[in-house]
Each structure stands twice: as C-alpha cells, then as structure tokens.
Amino acid sequence: MIVSLLVLLAIISGSVVVLVRAPQQQIIALGVNGLVLALLFAVLLAPDVALAEIVVGAAVTPLLFLITLSSMRMDRRPDRET
C-alpha cells in the first residue's frame, strides 16, 4: 500500500519537475522529487541508496542549480557604456 502511494507520488513529482516553467519552482520540485525517491528507497529496504538520494538528489543538486541560476541572473545586468 505505502509502496504504491510512494510510486504515485514519485510519478507526480517527476511530472511536476518537467511541466513547471519557472526555473526556481523546477529546482524546488526537483528537491521534493529527490525526497520522495529517498522515502521510496527506504521503504524498499535500500537504506544506502536512500541516503545517497537524500544527499545528491535532494540537497546537493538543487543547491548547485540554485547557485548557477543566481549567478546567471547576476550576469544579466545591463552593461554601462563608458
């Protein structure tokens, strides 16, 4: 029962990552998707994979995307002509 619910949540959260248009919302959805997958792995008795998914899929990757997105927005400032 709980496995099927987590699989359904993984499908929904993965679809949200793809369908959302705003980059910040996509990054948040990616982190939520990583947490849902980590819960699914923990329920399926794969704690090592669950911990790796928490670290990589829910923490490090969204953080790197947020840093990249913020640096890209800083580069969009209009240049001054001197």
Protein backbone atom coordinates (compact mmCIF):
# COMPACT_ATOMS: atom_id res chain seq x y z
CA MET A 1 0.00 0.00 0.00
CA ILE A 2 2.65 2.52 1.01
CA VAL A 3 4.92 1.47 -1.87
CA SER A 4 2.19 2.15 -4.42
CA LEU A 5 1.47 5.52 -2.79
CA LEU A 6 5.17 6.49 -2.94
CA VAL A 7 5.42 5.34 -6.56
CA LEU A 8 2.40 7.50 -7.38
CA LEU A 9 3.99 10.46 -5.56
CA ALA A 10 7.24 9.88 -7.47
CA ILE A 11 5.36 9.93 -10.76
CA ILE A 12 3.50 13.10 -9.80
CA SER A 13 6.60 14.90 -8.51
CA GLY A 14 8.60 13.89 -11.59
CA SER A 15 5.84 15.20 -13.82
CA VAL A 16 5.79 18.48 -11.90
CA VAL A 17 9.55 18.89 -12.45
CA VAL A 18 9.00 18.57 -16.20
CA LEU A 19 5.81 20.61 -16.51
CA VAL A 20 6.64 23.64 -14.34
CA ARG A 21 8.04 26.52 -16.38
CA ALA A 22 9.72 28.73 -13.75
CA PRO A 23 13.32 27.62 -13.02
CA GLN A 24 13.12 28.25 -9.27
CA GLN A 25 9.96 26.18 -8.99
CA GLN A 26 11.58 23.43 -11.04
CA ILE A 27 14.51 23.33 -8.62
CA ILE A 28 12.18 23.06 -5.63
CA ALA A 29 10.21 20.33 -7.38
CA LEU A 30 13.47 18.51 -8.12
CA GLY A 31 14.36 18.56 -4.42
CA VAL A 32 10.90 17.28 -3.47
CA ASN A 33 11.23 14.55 -6.08
CA GLY A 34 14.56 13.53 -4.54
CA LEU A 35 12.95 13.29 -1.10
CA VAL A 36 10.07 11.20 -2.41
CA LEU A 37 12.50 8.85 -4.14
CA ALA A 38 14.59 8.60 -0.96
CA LEU A 39 11.47 7.63 1.00
CA LEU A 40 10.63 5.05 -1.64
CA PHE A 41 14.12 3.54 -1.44
CA ALA A 42 13.93 3.45 2.36
CA VAL A 43 10.59 1.63 2.25
CA LEU A 44 12.04 -0.81 -0.27
CA LEU A 45 14.80 -1.61 2.26
CA ALA A 46 17.65 0.06 0.40
CA PRO A 47 18.95 2.47 3.06
CA ASP A 48 22.29 3.10 1.36
CA VAL A 49 20.58 4.19 -1.84
CA ALA A 50 18.11 6.27 0.18
CA LEU A 51 20.93 8.14 1.93
CA ALA A 52 22.72 8.74 -1.36
CA GLU A 53 19.48 10.05 -2.87
CA ILE A 54 18.96 12.42 0.05
CA VAL A 55 22.47 13.81 -0.26
CA VAL A 56 22.70 14.01 -4.03
CA GLY A 57 19.11 14.23 -5.27
CA ALA A 58 17.55 16.33 -2.54
CA ALA A 59 20.41 18.53 -1.32
CA VAL A 60 23.50 18.93 -3.50
CA THR A 61 21.98 19.01 -6.99
CA PRO A 62 19.23 21.56 -6.18
CA LEU A 63 21.77 23.69 -4.33
CA LEU A 64 24.11 23.69 -7.34
CA PHE A 65 21.21 24.58 -9.63
CA LEU A 66 20.22 27.47 -7.35
CA ILE A 67 23.79 28.78 -7.29
CA THR A 68 24.00 28.53 -11.07
CA LEU A 69 20.66 30.26 -11.52
CA SER A 70 21.62 33.11 -9.22
CA SER A 71 24.96 33.61 -10.98
CA MET A 72 23.21 33.70 -14.35
CA ARG A 73 20.83 36.38 -13.10
CA MET A 74 23.74 38.47 -11.86
CA ASP A 75 25.29 38.29 -15.35
CA ARG A 76 22.17 39.78 -16.92
CA ARG A 77 22.79 43.26 -15.53
CA PRO A 78 22.96 45.88 -18.26
CA ASP A 79 26.48 46.90 -19.11
CA ARG A 80 27.44 50.51 -18.61
CA GLU A 81 28.96 52.29 -21.51
CA THR A 82 31.98 54.35 -20.53
